[in-house]
Amino acid sequence: METAPNQRNTKQRQVILEELRKLKSHPTAAELYQKVRKRLKKISLGTVYRNLELLAGNKSIQKLYMSGSEARFDGETKPHHHARCTKCGAVDDLFELPQNIVQQRHMNLDDYDIRGYRIEFYGLCRKCKSRKQTAKTTK
């Protein structure tokens, strides 16, 4: 795990990172706290929040700001996007997108020197889409 120059690599931080990287669900801090408590009985929710902020700050994890929801966390740091289900709230990784969505990583737009971007996709996940189709056929 990468740590900033003045940060200790604590056992708590290591467990939080390990548990986050096991999950593909992009949990909230409270959801991750429930997983971490199985290994560290005395850890507090505040400790989980603080460590997630530190890990996001040093780019060991990603902090996701999805529209209309609490911040979520992602242990995958390779460049990728996310899709959010508008029915169940699931968040999934999107690694491959058509090239024409965003053609240049660093571009100039209206006097801004753009250094990055975040695109949020939303719709129905596979499970909710399947449930919707099943409901249509049973009517």
Protein backbone atom coordinates (compact mmCIF):
# COMPACT_ATOMS: atom_id res chain seq x y z
CA MET A 1 0.00 0.00 0.00
CA GLU A 2 1.25 3.45 -0.87
CA THR A 3 1.31 5.94 1.99
CA ALA A 4 2.04 9.65 1.99
CA PRO A 5 5.40 10.68 3.49
CA ASN A 6 4.02 11.53 6.96
CA GLN A 7 1.50 8.69 7.24
CA ARG A 8 2.04 5.44 9.07
CA ASN A 9 0.81 2.27 7.46
CA THR A 10 -1.47 1.16 10.31
CA LYS A 11 -3.08 -2.26 10.72
CA GLN A 12 -6.51 -0.61 10.55
CA ARG A 13 -5.69 1.14 7.28
CA GLN A 14 -4.30 -2.07 5.81
CA VAL A 15 -7.45 -4.04 6.71
CA ILE A 16 -9.71 -1.31 5.31
CA LEU A 17 -7.77 -1.36 2.03
CA GLU A 18 -7.78 -5.17 1.85
CA GLU A 19 -11.53 -5.37 2.46
CA LEU A 20 -12.28 -2.62 -0.06
CA ARG A 21 -10.19 -4.30 -2.75
CA LYS A 22 -12.12 -7.57 -2.22
CA LEU A 23 -15.40 -5.82 -3.04
CA LYS A 24 -16.65 -4.93 -6.51
CA SER A 25 -19.79 -3.25 -5.14
CA HIS A 26 -18.23 0.20 -4.58
CA PRO A 27 -19.40 0.42 -0.95
CA THR A 28 -20.19 3.48 1.10
CA ALA A 29 -18.04 4.03 4.20
CA ALA A 30 -20.83 2.57 6.38
CA GLU A 31 -21.09 -0.56 4.22
CA LEU A 32 -17.33 -1.07 4.30
CA TYR A 33 -17.34 -0.50 8.07
CA GLN A 34 -19.65 -3.52 8.47
CA LYS A 35 -17.15 -5.71 6.56
CA VAL A 36 -14.10 -4.36 8.41
CA ARG A 37 -15.75 -4.92 11.83
CA LYS A 38 -15.74 -8.66 11.17
CA ARG A 39 -11.93 -8.51 11.31
CA LEU A 40 -11.41 -5.57 13.68
CA LYS A 41 -14.15 -5.69 16.32
CA LYS A 42 -13.19 -2.41 18.02
CA ILE A 43 -12.81 -0.19 14.98
CA SER A 44 -15.11 2.85 14.82
CA LEU A 45 -17.02 4.22 11.86
CA GLY A 46 -15.07 7.47 12.25
CA THR A 47 -11.78 5.58 11.88
CA VAL A 48 -13.04 3.98 8.67
CA TYR A 49 -14.10 7.40 7.30
CA ARG A 50 -10.76 9.02 8.20
CA ASN A 51 -8.73 6.21 6.66
CA LEU A 52 -10.81 6.17 3.48
CA GLU A 53 -10.19 9.91 3.11
CA LEU A 54 -6.44 9.40 3.60
CA LEU A 55 -6.34 6.53 1.10
CA ALA A 56 -8.32 8.56 -1.45
CA GLY A 57 -6.05 11.56 -0.83
CA ASN A 58 -2.93 9.58 -1.66
CA LYS A 59 -4.67 7.90 -4.63
CA SER A 60 -4.51 4.37 -3.20
CA ILE A 61 -8.29 4.18 -3.81
CA GLN A 62 -10.93 6.22 -5.62
CA LYS A 63 -13.67 8.20 -3.93
CA LEU A 64 -16.75 8.23 -6.15
CA TYR A 65 -19.23 11.07 -6.13
CA MET A 66 -22.30 9.65 -7.83
CA SER A 67 -25.26 11.95 -8.41
CA GLY A 68 -27.91 11.75 -5.75
CA SER A 69 -26.09 9.34 -3.47
CA GLU A 70 -23.59 9.08 -0.66
CA ALA A 71 -19.90 8.89 -1.62
CA ARG A 72 -18.72 5.41 -2.54
CA PHE A 73 -15.23 3.95 -2.64
CA ASP A 74 -13.39 1.88 -5.22
CA GLY A 75 -10.22 -0.12 -4.62
CA GLU A 76 -9.49 -0.28 -8.34
CA THR A 77 -7.19 2.58 -9.33
CA LYS A 78 -6.72 1.77 -13.03
CA PRO A 79 -8.50 4.37 -15.19
CA HIS A 80 -12.14 3.43 -15.72
CA HIS A 81 -15.66 4.80 -15.49
CA HIS A 82 -18.76 3.73 -13.59
CA ALA A 83 -22.42 3.05 -14.28
CA ARG A 84 -25.10 3.47 -11.59
CA CYS A 85 -28.41 1.62 -11.59
CA THR A 86 -31.26 4.07 -11.11
CA LYS A 87 -33.47 1.36 -9.60
CA CYS A 88 -31.31 -0.54 -7.07
CA GLY A 89 -28.33 1.85 -6.74
CA ALA A 90 -25.70 -0.71 -7.80
CA VAL A 91 -22.46 0.77 -9.16
CA ASP A 92 -20.40 -1.17 -11.67
CA ASP A 93 -17.04 -0.65 -13.38
CA LEU A 94 -16.82 0.20 -17.07
CA PHE A 95 -13.36 -0.44 -18.45
CA GLU A 96 -13.95 -0.28 -22.18
CA LEU A 97 -15.80 2.59 -23.81
CA PRO A 98 -16.03 3.60 -27.47
CA GLN A 99 -13.11 5.89 -28.36
CA ASN A 100 -15.34 8.69 -29.62
CA ILE A 101 -16.89 9.38 -26.19
CA VAL A 102 -13.85 11.39 -25.09
CA GLN A 103 -11.10 11.55 -27.66
CA GLN A 104 -8.36 13.42 -25.82
CA ARG A 105 -7.24 13.05 -22.22
CA HIS A 106 -5.92 16.62 -21.98
CA MET A 107 -7.88 19.16 -23.96
CA ASN A 108 -8.67 22.85 -23.84
CA LEU A 109 -12.30 23.88 -23.46
CA ASP A 110 -13.35 27.51 -23.13
CA ASP A 111 -10.05 28.62 -21.58
CA TYR A 112 -9.90 25.65 -19.19
CA ASP A 113 -6.84 23.45 -19.23
CA ILE A 114 -8.67 20.17 -18.63
CA ARG A 115 -6.58 17.64 -16.67
CA GLY A 116 -9.13 14.87 -16.37
CA TYR A 117 -12.80 14.07 -16.53
CA ARG A 118 -15.46 11.97 -14.92
CA ILE A 119 -18.39 10.68 -16.86
CA GLU A 120 -21.34 9.18 -15.01
CA PHE A 121 -23.45 6.62 -16.79
CA TYR A 122 -26.80 5.62 -15.36
CA GLY A 123 -29.59 3.25 -16.29
CA LEU A 124 -30.80 -0.20 -15.30
CA CYS A 125 -28.29 -2.86 -14.25
CA ARG A 126 -28.51 -6.38 -15.65
CA LYS A 127 -30.57 -7.68 -12.71
CA CYS A 128 -33.10 -4.83 -12.71
CA LYS A 129 -33.39 -4.94 -16.49
CA SER A 130 -34.08 -8.68 -16.30
CA ARG A 131 -36.71 -8.16 -13.56
CA LYS A 132 -38.40 -5.47 -15.66
CA GLN A 133 -38.51 -7.75 -18.71
CA THR A 134 -39.80 -10.66 -16.61
CA ALA A 135 -42.55 -8.44 -15.16
CA LYS A 136 -43.62 -7.42 -18.68
CA THR A 137 -43.90 -11.02 -19.85
CA THR A 138 -45.93 -12.14 -16.82
CA LYS A 139 -48.59 -9.43 -17.29
